[in-house]
Every structure is written in structure tokens, then in C-alpha cells.
């Protein structure tokens, strides 16, 4: 299911990164991230990266490589991360009321963020929810092939 009505695409970071500072969209280099990025860029909608360290990151923001995941954070830190990301979204976009966010990220990211988005009156679509990484890659490949 592709949410054609999404206003903003949010994609999760991955642990596989380059070794030198780069724009965030180029720093993360796993096959999954590459496909998430291709999907987001092809929607012609604003998109951001969800970073365990930095919160919300614009694709062209230069980042140093880092090693942090939400899985390693205590529950309270994950909750604080989710609040921070929503505040960053509000600072960039204004009121989130009525907006639709399409979320392409792992469960830790989704769980930490989804309730905060909904509490601001936003809706959340998760087209690859519950799919293994292999199935997610297939989903992105199908969608990207359909755009050619």
C-alpha cells in the first residue's frame, strides 16, 4: 500500500555508514537505506531522515559518522527522542494537524514517534510495516521499477 496522500516521508537511518562526513542522504549506505532514499526522492514530497543521534535530519545536512541506535537506548531516552523529533518537525513545518506522514523505519523508530505524531493531529502510514528486510527490499524494488 502506497499512501499517495502523504505530505512528508520519514525514513529511518541504518547502522551501515561511510567513514567520512557527508550529506546525510549519502552517509548511510546499506541496500535498505538506498532504496528508502530512492523511494522518498521519487515521491516529490519533502522527506527527512530519522537519526538516533540527531533526531530529524534534512537530506543535505552534513553529518559525521556515528554509532548510535534507538535499540541501545533506555525507554525514557527513546520517548525523549520521539518528542524531540516531533518538535523538530513542528519547527520546520508548523502545525502537524491534519498532515499525513509516511514512515519507513524500524519498529523502535516507529514506536518512539508514532504516538507523538498522532497526539499533534497527524496521521501515520507505514507501508512496509511488519515486513522482513528482504520483503522490504522487494517492495521498494517493485515500487521503484513501476516509476521507470
N, C-alpha and C. Protein backbone atom coordinates (compact mmCIF):
# COMPACT_ATOMS: atom_id res chain seq x y z
N UNK A 1 0.84 -1.18 0.00
CA UNK A 1 0.00 0.00 0.00
C UNK A 1 0.89 1.25 0.00
N UNK A 2 0.69 2.10 -0.97
CA UNK A 2 1.42 3.36 -1.04
C UNK A 2 0.45 4.47 -0.69
N UNK A 3 0.82 5.27 0.28
CA UNK A 3 -0.03 6.36 0.68
C UNK A 3 0.21 7.55 -0.25
N UNK A 4 -0.62 7.70 -1.25
CA UNK A 4 -0.44 8.78 -2.21
C UNK A 4 -0.75 10.14 -1.59
N UNK A 5 -1.40 10.13 -0.43
CA UNK A 5 -1.76 11.40 0.19
C UNK A 5 -0.76 11.85 1.24
N UNK A 6 0.38 11.17 1.35
CA UNK A 6 1.37 11.56 2.36
C UNK A 6 1.89 12.97 2.07
N UNK A 7 2.03 13.75 3.12
CA UNK A 7 2.59 15.10 2.99
C UNK A 7 4.11 15.08 3.14
N UNK A 8 4.59 14.16 3.98
CA UNK A 8 6.02 14.10 4.30
C UNK A 8 6.42 12.64 4.43
N UNK A 9 7.63 12.32 3.93
CA UNK A 9 8.18 10.97 4.05
C UNK A 9 9.29 11.01 5.10
N UNK A 10 9.25 10.07 6.03
CA UNK A 10 10.29 9.94 7.06
C UNK A 10 10.94 8.58 6.89
N UNK A 11 12.28 8.58 6.75
CA UNK A 11 12.97 7.30 6.60
C UNK A 11 14.00 7.13 7.72
N UNK A 12 14.08 5.91 8.21
CA UNK A 12 15.00 5.61 9.30
C UNK A 12 16.43 5.49 8.83
N UNK A 13 17.34 5.89 9.69
CA UNK A 13 18.76 5.71 9.42
C UNK A 13 19.10 4.23 9.56
N UNK A 14 20.31 3.88 9.21
CA UNK A 14 20.79 2.50 9.34
C UNK A 14 22.18 2.53 9.95
N UNK A 15 22.63 1.39 10.43
CA UNK A 15 23.95 1.35 11.08
C UNK A 15 25.09 1.43 10.08
N UNK A 16 24.87 1.00 8.85
CA UNK A 16 25.93 0.99 7.84
C UNK A 16 26.13 2.40 7.29
N UNK A 17 27.32 2.95 7.58
CA UNK A 17 27.61 4.33 7.20
C UNK A 17 28.99 4.44 6.57
N UNK A 18 29.18 5.52 5.83
CA UNK A 18 30.50 5.83 5.30
C UNK A 18 31.44 6.23 6.43
N UNK A 19 32.71 6.44 6.09
CA UNK A 19 33.74 6.71 7.10
C UNK A 19 34.10 8.18 7.23
N UNK A 20 33.50 9.05 6.41
CA UNK A 20 33.84 10.47 6.48
C UNK A 20 32.57 11.31 6.42
N UNK A 21 32.65 12.56 6.85
CA UNK A 21 31.46 13.43 6.83
C UNK A 21 30.90 13.56 5.41
N UNK A 22 29.57 13.48 5.33
CA UNK A 22 28.87 13.57 4.04
C UNK A 22 27.47 14.11 4.29
N UNK A 23 26.79 14.55 3.22
CA UNK A 23 25.35 14.83 3.37
C UNK A 23 24.66 13.57 3.89
N UNK A 24 23.72 13.74 4.79
CA UNK A 24 23.06 12.59 5.41
C UNK A 24 22.53 11.60 4.37
N UNK A 25 21.99 12.10 3.27
CA UNK A 25 21.43 11.19 2.26
C UNK A 25 22.49 10.28 1.64
N UNK A 26 23.77 10.68 1.74
CA UNK A 26 24.87 9.88 1.20
C UNK A 26 25.67 9.14 2.28
N UNK A 27 25.49 9.52 3.54
CA UNK A 27 26.25 8.91 4.63
C UNK A 27 25.84 7.45 4.85
N UNK A 28 24.53 7.23 4.89
CA UNK A 28 24.00 5.89 5.14
C UNK A 28 24.05 5.11 3.83
N UNK A 29 24.62 3.90 3.86
CA UNK A 29 24.86 3.25 2.57
C UNK A 29 24.46 1.78 2.51
N UNK A 30 23.48 1.36 3.27
CA UNK A 30 23.01 -0.03 3.14
C UNK A 30 22.04 -0.13 1.97
N UNK A 31 21.82 -1.34 1.46
CA UNK A 31 20.83 -1.51 0.40
C UNK A 31 19.43 -1.03 0.83
N UNK A 32 19.06 -1.27 2.08
CA UNK A 32 17.75 -0.83 2.55
C UNK A 32 17.65 0.69 2.53
N UNK A 33 18.66 1.38 3.06
CA UNK A 33 18.60 2.84 3.07
C UNK A 33 18.59 3.39 1.65
N UNK A 34 19.40 2.82 0.77
CA UNK A 34 19.46 3.29 -0.61
C UNK A 34 18.08 3.21 -1.26
N UNK A 35 17.36 2.15 -1.00
CA UNK A 35 16.02 2.02 -1.59
C UNK A 35 15.03 2.96 -0.91
N UNK A 36 15.12 3.10 0.40
CA UNK A 36 14.25 4.06 1.09
C UNK A 36 14.46 5.45 0.50
N UNK A 37 15.72 5.82 0.33
CA UNK A 37 16.04 7.13 -0.23
C UNK A 37 15.46 7.27 -1.65
N UNK A 38 15.67 6.27 -2.49
CA UNK A 38 15.13 6.31 -3.85
C UNK A 38 13.62 6.47 -3.85
N UNK A 39 12.97 5.76 -2.95
CA UNK A 39 11.51 5.88 -2.83
C UNK A 39 11.13 7.30 -2.44
N UNK A 40 11.77 7.81 -1.38
CA UNK A 40 11.44 9.15 -0.88
C UNK A 40 11.68 10.22 -1.95
N UNK A 41 12.81 10.13 -2.62
CA UNK A 41 13.12 11.12 -3.66
C UNK A 41 12.13 11.06 -4.81
N UNK A 42 11.60 9.88 -5.09
CA UNK A 42 10.66 9.73 -6.19
C UNK A 42 9.25 10.18 -5.88
N UNK A 43 8.96 10.51 -4.63
CA UNK A 43 7.60 10.93 -4.28
C UNK A 43 7.37 12.41 -4.57
N UNK A 44 8.43 13.17 -4.78
CA UNK A 44 8.32 14.62 -4.94
C UNK A 44 7.67 15.29 -3.74
N UNK A 45 7.86 14.67 -2.58
CA UNK A 45 7.38 15.25 -1.32
C UNK A 45 8.58 15.54 -0.44
N UNK A 46 8.41 16.44 0.52
CA UNK A 46 9.52 16.65 1.46
C UNK A 46 9.83 15.34 2.18
N UNK A 47 11.12 15.12 2.45
CA UNK A 47 11.49 13.93 3.19
C UNK A 47 12.64 14.25 4.13
N UNK A 48 12.68 13.48 5.20
CA UNK A 48 13.69 13.65 6.23
C UNK A 48 14.17 12.28 6.67
N UNK A 49 15.35 12.28 7.27
CA UNK A 49 15.94 11.08 7.83
C UNK A 49 15.78 11.13 9.34
N UNK A 50 15.44 10.00 9.93
CA UNK A 50 15.33 9.86 11.38
C UNK A 50 16.64 9.28 11.89
N UNK A 51 17.38 10.07 12.63
CA UNK A 51 18.68 9.67 13.16
C UNK A 51 18.58 9.45 14.66
N UNK A 52 19.12 8.33 15.13
CA UNK A 52 19.11 8.06 16.57
C UNK A 52 19.90 9.13 17.34
N UNK A 53 20.93 9.68 16.72
CA UNK A 53 21.75 10.68 17.39
C UNK A 53 21.21 12.10 17.20
N UNK A 54 20.81 12.44 15.99
CA UNK A 54 20.47 13.83 15.67
C UNK A 54 18.97 14.11 15.63
N UNK A 55 18.15 13.10 15.70
CA UNK A 55 16.71 13.32 15.58
C UNK A 55 16.33 13.46 14.12
N UNK A 56 15.67 14.56 13.78
CA UNK A 56 15.24 14.81 12.40
C UNK A 56 16.37 15.46 11.63
N UNK A 57 16.69 14.89 10.46
CA UNK A 57 17.81 15.40 9.67
C UNK A 57 17.35 15.64 8.23
N UNK A 58 17.61 16.83 7.72
CA UNK A 58 17.35 17.10 6.32
C UNK A 58 18.38 16.33 5.48
N UNK A 59 18.00 15.86 4.31
CA UNK A 59 18.89 15.01 3.50
C UNK A 59 20.25 15.63 3.18
N UNK A 60 20.32 16.93 3.00
CA UNK A 60 21.58 17.56 2.62
C UNK A 60 22.44 18.02 3.80
N UNK A 61 21.98 17.77 5.02
CA UNK A 61 22.75 18.14 6.21
C UNK A 61 24.02 17.29 6.29
N UNK A 62 25.16 17.93 6.44
CA UNK A 62 26.43 17.20 6.56
C UNK A 62 26.52 16.59 7.96
N UNK A 63 26.77 15.29 7.99
CA UNK A 63 26.91 14.57 9.26
C UNK A 63 28.24 13.84 9.31
N UNK A 64 28.78 13.78 10.50
CA UNK A 64 29.94 12.92 10.79
C UNK A 64 29.41 11.50 11.02
N UNK A 65 30.17 10.49 10.67
CA UNK A 65 29.75 9.13 11.01
C UNK A 65 29.59 8.99 12.53
N UNK A 66 28.64 8.19 12.96
CA UNK A 66 28.40 7.98 14.39
C UNK A 66 27.90 6.57 14.59
N UNK A 67 27.87 6.15 15.83
CA UNK A 67 27.42 4.80 16.16
C UNK A 67 26.42 4.88 17.30
N UNK A 68 25.14 5.00 16.95
CA UNK A 68 24.08 5.01 17.96
C UNK A 68 22.80 4.49 17.32
N UNK A 69 22.09 3.67 18.06
CA UNK A 69 20.79 3.19 17.60
C UNK A 69 19.77 3.37 18.72
N UNK A 70 18.51 3.45 18.35
CA UNK A 70 17.47 3.53 19.38
C UNK A 70 17.39 2.24 20.18
N UNK A 71 17.72 1.11 19.56
CA UNK A 71 17.65 -0.17 20.26
C UNK A 71 18.53 -0.17 21.51
N UNK A 72 19.63 0.57 21.47
CA UNK A 72 20.57 0.61 22.59
C UNK A 72 20.17 1.62 23.66
N UNK A 73 19.13 2.41 23.41
CA UNK A 73 18.73 3.46 24.35
C UNK A 73 17.69 2.94 25.34
N UNK A 74 17.74 3.43 26.56
CA UNK A 74 16.67 3.08 27.51
C UNK A 74 15.34 3.66 27.04
N UNK A 75 14.26 3.09 27.52
CA UNK A 75 12.91 3.50 27.10
C UNK A 75 12.71 5.02 27.24
N UNK A 76 13.12 5.59 28.37
CA UNK A 76 12.92 7.03 28.59
C UNK A 76 13.65 7.86 27.53
N UNK A 77 14.82 7.41 27.11
CA UNK A 77 15.58 8.13 26.09
C UNK A 77 14.89 8.02 24.73
N UNK A 78 14.27 6.87 24.45
CA UNK A 78 13.53 6.72 23.19
C UNK A 78 12.30 7.62 23.17
N UNK A 79 11.64 7.73 24.31
CA UNK A 79 10.48 8.62 24.41
C UNK A 79 10.92 10.07 24.20
N UNK A 80 12.00 10.47 24.84
CA UNK A 80 12.53 11.83 24.67
C UNK A 80 12.93 12.07 23.22
N UNK A 81 13.48 11.06 22.57
CA UNK A 81 13.85 11.17 21.16
C UNK A 81 12.61 11.46 20.31
N UNK A 82 11.54 10.71 20.54
CA UNK A 82 10.30 10.90 19.79
C UNK A 82 9.74 12.29 19.96
N UNK A 83 9.74 12.79 21.20
CA UNK A 83 9.27 14.16 21.46
C UNK A 83 10.14 15.18 20.72
N UNK A 84 11.44 14.96 20.76
CA UNK A 84 12.37 15.87 20.09
C UNK A 84 12.13 15.91 18.58
N UNK A 85 11.92 14.75 17.96
CA UNK A 85 11.69 14.70 16.52
C UNK A 85 10.41 15.45 16.16
N UNK A 86 9.35 15.26 16.94
CA UNK A 86 8.10 15.96 16.64
C UNK A 86 8.28 17.47 16.80
N UNK A 87 9.03 17.88 17.81
CA UNK A 87 9.32 19.32 17.97
C UNK A 87 10.12 19.84 16.78
N UNK A 88 11.08 19.05 16.29
CA UNK A 88 11.86 19.45 15.12
C UNK A 88 10.96 19.55 13.88
N UNK A 89 10.03 18.61 13.74
CA UNK A 89 9.09 18.67 12.62
C UNK A 89 8.23 19.92 12.70
N UNK A 90 7.73 20.24 13.88
CA UNK A 90 6.91 21.44 14.05
C UNK A 90 7.71 22.71 13.75
N UNK A 91 8.98 22.73 14.13
CA UNK A 91 9.82 23.89 13.84
C UNK A 91 9.99 24.08 12.33
N UNK A 92 10.06 22.98 11.58
CA UNK A 92 10.25 23.06 10.13
C UNK A 92 8.95 23.26 9.37
N UNK A 93 7.86 22.63 9.84
CA UNK A 93 6.63 22.55 9.06
C UNK A 93 5.46 23.33 9.65
N UNK A 94 5.59 23.80 10.88
CA UNK A 94 4.45 24.42 11.56
C UNK A 94 3.56 23.35 12.16
N UNK A 95 2.27 23.65 12.28
CA UNK A 95 1.34 22.70 12.88
C UNK A 95 1.31 21.40 12.08
N UNK A 96 1.29 20.29 12.78
CA UNK A 96 1.23 18.98 12.14
C UNK A 96 -0.21 18.49 11.99
N UNK A 97 -1.15 19.27 12.52
CA UNK A 97 -2.57 18.91 12.48
C UNK A 97 -3.01 18.62 11.04
N UNK A 98 -3.57 17.43 10.85
CA UNK A 98 -4.10 17.05 9.54
C UNK A 98 -3.07 16.56 8.54
N UNK A 99 -1.79 16.60 8.90
CA UNK A 99 -0.76 16.13 7.98
C UNK A 99 -0.67 14.60 8.00
N UNK A 100 -0.22 14.04 6.88
CA UNK A 100 -0.01 12.60 6.78
C UNK A 100 1.49 12.35 6.61
N UNK A 101 2.04 11.55 7.51
CA UNK A 101 3.45 11.18 7.46
C UNK A 101 3.55 9.72 7.05
N UNK A 102 4.37 9.47 6.06
CA UNK A 102 4.63 8.09 5.65
C UNK A 102 5.97 7.71 6.28
N UNK A 103 5.94 6.67 7.08
CA UNK A 103 7.09 6.28 7.89
C UNK A 103 7.71 5.00 7.35
N UNK A 104 9.00 5.10 7.02
CA UNK A 104 9.78 3.97 6.51
C UNK A 104 10.96 3.79 7.46
N UNK A 105 10.73 3.09 8.55
CA UNK A 105 11.74 2.94 9.59
C UNK A 105 11.44 1.69 10.40
N UNK A 106 12.42 1.26 11.17
CA UNK A 106 12.25 0.09 12.02
C UNK A 106 11.26 0.34 13.15
N UNK A 107 10.87 -0.74 13.80
CA UNK A 107 9.88 -0.68 14.87
C UNK A 107 10.27 0.25 16.01
N UNK A 108 11.55 0.27 16.40
CA UNK A 108 11.95 1.15 17.51
C UNK A 108 11.69 2.61 17.16
N UNK A 109 11.99 2.98 15.94
CA UNK A 109 11.76 4.35 15.49
C UNK A 109 10.26 4.65 15.42
N UNK A 110 9.52 3.73 14.83
CA UNK A 110 8.08 3.93 14.68
C UNK A 110 7.39 4.03 16.04
N UNK A 111 7.70 3.11 16.94
CA UNK A 111 7.07 3.13 18.26
C UNK A 111 7.41 4.39 19.03
N UNK A 112 8.62 4.90 18.85
CA UNK A 112 9.06 6.08 19.58
C UNK A 112 8.45 7.37 19.02
N UNK A 113 7.92 7.31 17.82
CA UNK A 113 7.47 8.52 17.15
C UNK A 113 5.97 8.58 16.88
N UNK A 114 5.39 7.46 16.56
CA UNK A 114 4.01 7.43 16.07
C UNK A 114 3.01 8.10 17.02
N UNK A 115 3.06 7.78 18.29
CA UNK A 115 2.09 8.35 19.23
C UNK A 115 2.22 9.87 19.33
N UNK A 116 3.45 10.37 19.27
CA UNK A 116 3.65 11.82 19.33
C UNK A 116 3.09 12.51 18.08
N UNK A 117 3.25 11.89 16.93
CA UNK A 117 2.68 12.46 15.70
C UNK A 117 1.15 12.49 15.81
N UNK A 118 0.57 11.38 16.24
CA UNK A 118 -0.89 11.32 16.36
C UNK A 118 -1.40 12.32 17.41
N UNK A 119 -0.63 12.54 18.48
CA UNK A 119 -1.07 13.49 19.51
C UNK A 119 -1.11 14.92 18.99
N UNK A 120 -0.41 15.17 17.88
CA UNK A 120 -0.42 16.50 17.26
C UNK A 120 -1.44 16.58 16.13
N UNK A 121 -2.27 15.54 16.00
CA UNK A 121 -3.32 15.54 14.98
C UNK A 121 -2.88 15.05 13.63
N UNK A 122 -1.70 14.45 13.54
CA UNK A 122 -1.20 13.91 12.28
C UNK A 122 -1.61 12.46 12.13
N UNK A 123 -1.59 11.98 10.91
CA UNK A 123 -1.83 10.57 10.60
C UNK A 123 -0.50 9.95 10.18
N UNK A 124 -0.40 8.64 10.39
CA UNK A 124 0.83 7.94 10.04
C UNK A 124 0.49 6.73 9.16
N UNK A 125 1.16 6.64 8.02
CA UNK A 125 1.06 5.48 7.14
C UNK A 125 2.39 4.74 7.20
N UNK A 126 2.32 3.41 7.26
CA UNK A 126 3.55 2.60 7.32
C UNK A 126 3.44 1.47 6.31
N UNK A 127 3.74 1.74 5.04
CA UNK A 127 3.52 0.74 4.00
C UNK A 127 4.36 -0.53 4.11
N UNK A 128 5.49 -0.49 4.79
CA UNK A 128 6.32 -1.71 4.89
C UNK A 128 6.31 -2.30 6.30
N UNK A 129 5.36 -1.86 7.11
CA UNK A 129 5.26 -2.35 8.48
C UNK A 129 5.14 -3.87 8.51
N UNK A 130 5.92 -4.49 9.37
CA UNK A 130 5.84 -5.93 9.57
C UNK A 130 6.57 -6.77 8.54
N UNK A 131 7.15 -6.14 7.53
CA UNK A 131 7.87 -6.91 6.51
C UNK A 131 9.32 -7.14 6.94
N UNK A 132 9.84 -8.30 6.64
CA UNK A 132 11.25 -8.55 6.88
C UNK A 132 12.07 -7.61 5.98
N UNK A 133 13.35 -7.47 6.25
CA UNK A 133 14.19 -6.60 5.42
C UNK A 133 14.17 -7.07 3.97
N UNK A 134 14.23 -8.38 3.76
CA UNK A 134 14.17 -8.90 2.39
C UNK A 134 12.88 -8.52 1.68
N UNK A 135 11.76 -8.62 2.37
CA UNK A 135 10.47 -8.24 1.78
C UNK A 135 10.38 -6.73 1.56
N UNK A 136 10.98 -5.96 2.48
CA UNK A 136 11.00 -4.51 2.27
C UNK A 136 11.78 -4.17 1.01
N UNK A 137 12.94 -4.80 0.82
CA UNK A 137 13.74 -4.55 -0.38
C UNK A 137 12.93 -4.88 -1.63
N UNK A 138 12.20 -5.99 -1.61
CA UNK A 138 11.35 -6.36 -2.74
C UNK A 138 10.27 -5.32 -2.98
N UNK A 139 9.65 -4.82 -1.91
CA UNK A 139 8.59 -3.81 -2.02
C UNK A 139 9.15 -2.56 -2.69
N UNK A 140 10.30 -2.09 -2.21
CA UNK A 140 10.90 -0.88 -2.81
C UNK A 140 11.28 -1.13 -4.26
N UNK A 141 11.83 -2.30 -4.54
CA UNK A 141 12.20 -2.61 -5.93
C UNK A 141 10.98 -2.57 -6.85
N UNK A 142 9.85 -3.14 -6.39
CA UNK A 142 8.62 -3.13 -7.20
C UNK A 142 8.15 -1.70 -7.43
N UNK A 143 8.11 -0.91 -6.36
CA UNK A 143 7.63 0.47 -6.48
C UNK A 143 8.56 1.29 -7.39
N UNK A 144 9.86 1.16 -7.17
CA UNK A 144 10.82 1.92 -7.97
C UNK A 144 10.78 1.49 -9.44
N UNK A 145 10.59 0.20 -9.70
CA UNK A 145 10.50 -0.28 -11.09
C UNK A 145 9.24 0.26 -11.76
N UNK A 146 8.18 0.42 -10.99
CA UNK A 146 6.93 0.94 -11.53
C UNK A 146 6.99 2.40 -11.91
N UNK A 147 7.97 3.11 -11.40
CA UNK A 147 8.11 4.54 -11.70
C UNK A 147 8.92 4.78 -12.96
N UNK A 148 9.63 3.78 -13.44
CA UNK A 148 10.51 3.97 -14.60
C UNK A 148 9.72 4.21 -15.87
